[in-house]
Amino acid sequence: MNAARYEGAPMYGTGDGLRLFVFHHAGGSHLLYRDWPRLLPASWDVRLLDAPGRGRLTGEPQIDDAHALAAFFRRRLAADLSGPFAFFGHSMGALIAYELTQQLAAEGHRLPVWLGLSARGAPRPQGEGTRRHALPDEELRLHLAAMGGTPLEVLQDPDLWEMFAPALRNDLRLVESWRPLPGAPDLRMPLNVYGGHGDVVVAPERLAGWQEHARRFMGLRMFDGGHFYFQADPVPLLEHVARDASAALAAARAVGAA
């Protein structure tokens, strides 16, 4: 494996099957996904990424612009975007996976063989039209409690809230200020989209809207639960991820593209 591996990407397994990069949600880190590598195919090289200011990159300045964060990952992961690789992102992570893919395409770089996007609506030219990042503390805590994914002790303990609120607001600002670049081409690789039936943030039609942005839309998979539908048990989601990404890899190899 490449010794210059991105320091914010813990490696939990190696193999020549597929290198899967996992991008985390707003306000989070790789920790929510720490069990995923052992639940995915043993031949996969699973990389759990951290944005600056989180996890292994706690000491680095946070980035509140989606284009800039994608560019950060493009630079830091450049040495590892070789061989067959794929991206999976949840919520904000899905936005970053999409934006990174578009940047790679615009610069003529190798592209992922598969893209998995979770709990993130299709791009809107006018943006999200929300300002959750500017809500007063109490309203923001209520919103985050309804979404799930944020530990209750963070929402209830003033000291913990003071510690984690800046990252949460930073990431919400990133999501809400993002606009797709005009003329962005449709995605060329197979795309699967995933979501929860009870998601209070992203409606199913927003998820289904991704088919208008992909030449090879491979379907929308819906699960019981809310915005973090996989948190209690990731196995149902990861079974689909394994099948969907493996099918895309097999198709790419069949035409000599991986």
Protein backbone atom coordinates (compact mmCIF):
# COMPACT_ATOMS: atom_id res chain seq x y z
CA MET A 1 0.00 0.00 0.00
CA ASN A 2 1.10 3.57 -0.57
CA ALA A 3 3.14 4.88 2.37
CA ALA A 4 1.93 8.43 1.65
CA ARG A 5 -1.62 7.47 2.62
CA TYR A 6 -3.84 10.35 3.76
CA GLU A 7 -3.34 10.61 7.53
CA GLY A 8 -7.03 11.23 8.16
CA ALA A 9 -8.00 7.88 6.62
CA PRO A 10 -7.65 4.94 9.02
CA MET A 11 -7.12 1.72 7.07
CA TYR A 12 -8.88 -1.35 8.43
CA GLY A 13 -8.22 -3.91 5.75
CA THR A 14 -6.40 -4.39 2.47
CA GLY A 15 -7.10 -6.24 -0.70
CA ASP A 16 -7.10 -6.00 -4.44
CA GLY A 17 -10.88 -5.89 -4.79
CA LEU A 18 -11.92 -2.29 -4.33
CA ARG A 19 -10.77 0.76 -2.40
CA LEU A 20 -13.80 2.40 -0.81
CA PHE A 21 -13.58 5.93 0.61
CA VAL A 22 -16.29 6.82 3.15
CA PHE A 23 -17.18 10.50 3.75
CA HIS A 24 -18.90 11.39 7.02
CA HIS A 25 -21.92 13.52 7.85
CA ALA A 26 -22.10 17.12 9.11
CA GLY A 27 -20.61 17.59 12.56
CA GLY A 28 -19.31 14.03 12.57
CA SER A 29 -16.14 12.05 12.00
CA HIS A 30 -15.15 8.57 10.89
CA LEU A 31 -16.16 7.17 14.31
CA LEU A 32 -19.81 6.52 13.40
CA TYR A 33 -18.55 4.25 10.60
CA ARG A 34 -15.79 2.48 12.52
CA ASP A 35 -17.49 -0.94 12.35
CA TRP A 36 -18.08 -0.79 8.61
CA PRO A 37 -14.76 -2.26 7.39
CA ARG A 38 -15.35 -5.59 9.13
CA LEU A 39 -18.89 -5.72 7.69
CA LEU A 40 -17.79 -5.14 4.10
CA PRO A 41 -15.97 -7.63 1.84
CA ALA A 42 -12.58 -8.66 3.23
CA SER A 43 -10.94 -7.97 -0.13
CA TRP A 44 -11.89 -4.29 0.05
CA ASP A 45 -9.56 -1.60 1.29
CA VAL A 46 -11.93 0.62 3.29
CA ARG A 47 -10.80 4.17 4.10
CA LEU A 48 -12.81 6.12 6.69
CA LEU A 49 -12.13 9.80 6.13
CA ASP A 50 -12.13 12.79 8.46
CA ALA A 51 -12.67 16.37 7.41
CA PRO A 52 -10.22 18.90 8.88
CA GLY A 53 -10.98 19.65 12.52
CA ARG A 54 -12.33 16.12 13.25
CA GLY A 55 -10.98 12.79 14.35
CA ARG A 56 -7.36 12.43 13.34
CA LEU A 57 -7.36 15.93 11.86
CA THR A 58 -8.61 17.72 14.98
CA GLY A 59 -5.72 20.17 14.89
CA GLU A 60 -6.39 21.38 11.34
CA PRO A 61 -8.64 24.38 10.55
CA GLN A 62 -12.21 23.53 9.61
CA ILE A 63 -13.40 24.23 6.07
CA ASP A 64 -16.89 25.70 5.58
CA ASP A 65 -17.03 25.62 1.77
CA ALA A 66 -17.95 22.42 -0.08
CA HIS A 67 -15.84 23.16 -3.17
CA ALA A 68 -12.82 23.86 -0.94
CA LEU A 69 -13.37 20.73 1.17
CA ALA A 70 -13.63 18.56 -1.95
CA ALA A 71 -10.42 20.16 -3.24
CA PHE A 72 -8.77 19.36 0.10
CA PHE A 73 -9.64 15.69 -0.32
CA ARG A 74 -8.59 15.77 -3.99
CA ARG A 75 -5.10 16.89 -2.98
CA ARG A 76 -4.74 14.68 0.08
CA LEU A 77 -6.06 11.52 -1.57
CA ALA A 78 -4.35 11.98 -4.95
CA ALA A 79 -1.81 9.20 -4.41
CA ASP A 80 -4.54 6.71 -3.47
CA LEU A 81 -7.00 7.43 -6.29
CA SER A 82 -5.55 4.63 -8.36
CA GLY A 83 -6.76 1.19 -9.26
CA PRO A 84 -10.48 0.59 -8.83
CA PHE A 85 -11.88 2.91 -6.16
CA ALA A 86 -15.33 4.08 -5.13
CA PHE A 87 -16.91 6.79 -2.98
CA PHE A 88 -19.68 6.50 -0.40
CA GLY A 89 -20.95 9.56 1.45
CA HIS A 90 -23.69 10.11 3.99
CA SER A 91 -25.54 13.44 4.15
CA MET A 92 -22.83 16.13 3.96
CA GLY A 93 -20.46 13.33 2.99
CA ALA A 94 -22.61 12.55 -0.04
CA LEU A 95 -22.33 16.17 -1.15
CA ILE A 96 -18.54 16.05 -0.79
CA ALA A 97 -18.32 12.72 -2.65
CA TYR A 98 -20.36 14.22 -5.50
CA GLU A 99 -18.37 17.47 -5.61
CA LEU A 100 -15.06 15.59 -5.49
CA THR A 101 -16.19 13.37 -8.38
CA GLN A 102 -17.09 16.44 -10.42
CA GLN A 103 -13.70 18.03 -9.70
CA LEU A 104 -11.87 14.86 -10.75
CA ALA A 105 -13.88 14.74 -13.98
CA ALA A 106 -13.25 18.42 -14.74
CA GLU A 107 -9.49 17.91 -14.41
CA GLY A 108 -9.40 14.69 -16.44
CA HIS A 109 -8.41 12.44 -13.52
CA ARG A 110 -9.37 8.83 -12.96
CA LEU A 111 -12.95 8.52 -11.71
CA PRO A 112 -14.52 6.21 -9.14
CA VAL A 113 -16.07 3.06 -10.56
CA TRP A 114 -19.09 3.58 -8.32
CA LEU A 115 -20.73 6.30 -6.27
CA GLY A 116 -23.03 5.69 -3.30
CA LEU A 117 -24.95 8.68 -1.93
CA SER A 118 -26.95 8.49 1.29
CA ALA A 119 -29.50 10.88 2.82
CA ARG A 120 -28.65 13.72 0.47
CA GLY A 121 -31.07 15.29 -1.97
CA ALA A 122 -30.22 15.92 -5.60
CA PRO A 123 -28.58 19.28 -6.41
CA ARG A 124 -30.74 22.39 -6.53
CA PRO A 125 -29.45 25.35 -8.57
CA GLN A 126 -30.77 27.72 -5.91
CA GLY A 127 -29.21 25.76 -3.04
CA GLU A 128 -30.96 24.36 0.01
CA GLY A 129 -32.77 27.55 0.98
CA THR A 130 -32.31 26.84 4.69
CA ARG A 131 -30.25 28.53 7.41
CA ARG A 132 -30.08 25.92 10.14
CA HIS A 133 -26.51 26.92 10.87
CA ALA A 134 -27.78 30.31 12.13
CA LEU A 135 -30.49 28.98 14.45
CA PRO A 136 -30.31 29.89 18.14
CA ASP A 137 -28.73 27.16 20.23
CA GLU A 138 -31.99 25.79 21.63
CA GLU A 139 -33.66 25.56 18.21
CA LEU A 140 -30.59 23.97 16.67
CA ARG A 141 -30.42 21.38 19.43
CA LEU A 142 -34.07 20.48 18.84
CA HIS A 143 -33.45 20.16 15.11
CA LEU A 144 -30.42 17.93 15.65
CA ALA A 145 -32.34 15.78 18.13
CA ALA A 146 -35.06 15.22 15.51
CA MET A 147 -32.44 14.27 12.91
CA GLY A 148 -30.63 11.84 15.17
CA GLY A 149 -26.93 11.08 14.80
CA THR A 150 -25.76 13.54 17.47
CA PRO A 151 -25.27 11.95 20.91
CA LEU A 152 -27.86 13.20 23.38
CA GLU A 153 -25.15 14.05 25.89
CA VAL A 154 -23.73 16.56 23.38
CA LEU A 155 -27.14 18.21 23.04
CA GLN A 156 -27.88 18.23 26.77
CA ASP A 157 -24.53 19.04 28.37
CA PRO A 158 -23.60 22.74 28.07
CA ASP A 159 -19.86 22.07 28.11
CA LEU A 160 -20.07 19.38 25.42
CA TRP A 161 -22.38 21.57 23.34
CA GLU A 162 -19.90 24.42 23.51
CA MET A 163 -17.20 22.04 22.34
CA PHE A 164 -19.09 20.50 19.40
CA ALA A 165 -21.42 23.30 18.27
CA PRO A 166 -18.78 25.11 16.16
CA ALA A 167 -18.19 22.01 14.00
CA LEU A 168 -21.92 21.42 13.62
CA ARG A 169 -22.56 25.01 12.56
CA ASN A 170 -19.54 24.97 10.27
CA ASP A 171 -20.80 21.92 8.41
CA LEU A 172 -24.39 23.08 8.21
CA ARG A 173 -23.12 26.35 6.74
CA LEU A 174 -21.11 24.34 4.21
CA VAL A 175 -24.15 22.34 3.13
CA GLU A 176 -26.52 25.31 3.00
CA SER A 177 -24.16 27.60 1.10
CA TRP A 178 -23.21 25.07 -1.58
CA ARG A 179 -24.37 25.65 -5.14
CA PRO A 180 -23.62 23.25 -8.01
CA LEU A 181 -21.35 24.74 -10.62
CA PRO A 182 -23.28 25.78 -13.76
CA GLY A 183 -23.11 23.21 -16.52
CA ALA A 184 -21.94 20.36 -14.27
CA PRO A 185 -22.10 17.19 -16.41
CA ASP A 186 -24.11 14.12 -15.51
CA LEU A 187 -22.24 11.49 -13.53
CA ARG A 188 -20.78 8.80 -15.78
CA MET A 189 -20.26 5.99 -13.28
CA PRO A 190 -23.01 3.80 -11.74
CA LEU A 191 -24.83 5.65 -8.95
CA ASN A 192 -26.89 4.22 -6.12
CA VAL A 193 -28.81 6.34 -3.64
CA TYR A 194 -29.90 5.32 -0.13
CA GLY A 195 -32.23 6.84 2.45
CA GLY A 196 -34.60 6.35 5.36
CA HIS A 197 -38.40 6.32 5.07
CA GLY A 198 -38.67 8.51 8.18
CA ASP A 199 -36.02 11.09 7.28
CA VAL A 200 -37.25 14.52 8.43
CA VAL A 201 -34.59 16.32 6.38
CA VAL A 202 -34.61 14.70 2.93
CA ALA A 203 -37.84 13.59 1.25
CA PRO A 204 -37.80 10.49 -0.99
CA GLU A 205 -38.48 12.57 -4.10
CA ARG A 206 -35.31 14.57 -3.43
CA LEU A 207 -33.38 11.33 -3.28
CA ALA A 208 -35.00 10.02 -6.45
CA GLY A 209 -34.03 13.28 -8.16
CA TRP A 210 -30.46 12.01 -8.52
CA GLN A 211 -31.52 9.99 -11.55
CA GLU A 212 -31.61 13.28 -13.46
CA HIS A 213 -27.91 13.78 -12.73
CA ALA A 214 -26.58 10.34 -13.63
CA ARG A 215 -26.24 8.45 -16.89
CA ARG A 216 -26.26 5.13 -15.02
CA PHE A 217 -28.67 5.53 -12.13
CA MET A 218 -28.84 2.11 -10.50
CA GLY A 219 -31.70 2.72 -8.12
CA LEU A 220 -32.89 4.18 -4.85
CA ARG A 221 -32.78 1.90 -1.79
CA MET A 222 -35.01 2.91 1.11
CA PHE A 223 -34.76 1.59 4.67
CA ASP A 224 -36.71 1.86 7.89
CA GLY A 225 -35.55 4.75 10.04
CA GLY A 226 -34.74 8.42 9.81
CA HIS A 227 -31.80 10.50 8.60
CA PHE A 228 -29.37 8.10 10.31
CA TYR A 229 -31.34 5.01 9.36
CA PHE A 230 -28.25 2.75 9.59
CA GLN A 231 -26.98 3.87 12.99
CA ALA A 232 -28.54 1.10 15.08
CA ASP A 233 -27.76 -1.64 12.56
CA PRO A 234 -25.65 -0.88 9.45
CA VAL A 235 -25.84 -4.43 8.09
CA PRO A 236 -28.91 -3.98 5.81
CA LEU A 237 -27.36 -0.91 4.19
CA LEU A 238 -23.89 -2.45 3.85
CA GLU A 239 -25.26 -5.60 2.26
CA HIS A 240 -26.68 -3.39 -0.48
CA VAL A 241 -23.49 -1.33 -0.71
CA ALA A 242 -21.43 -4.50 -1.13
CA ARG A 243 -23.70 -5.83 -3.88
CA ASP A 244 -24.09 -2.51 -5.68
CA ALA A 245 -20.41 -1.56 -5.67
CA SER A 246 -19.33 -5.11 -6.58
CA ALA A 247 -21.68 -5.10 -9.56
CA ALA A 248 -20.28 -1.77 -10.71
CA LEU A 249 -16.72 -3.04 -10.31
CA ALA A 250 -17.49 -6.19 -12.30
CA ALA A 251 -19.03 -4.11 -15.08
CA ALA A 252 -16.01 -1.80 -15.16
CA ARG A 253 -13.63 -4.72 -15.37
CA ALA A 254 -15.65 -6.32 -18.13
CA VAL A 255 -15.02 -3.30 -20.35
CA GLY A 256 -11.46 -2.79 -19.17
CA ALA A 257 -12.23 0.38 -17.19
CA ALA A 258 -10.88 -0.87 -13.86
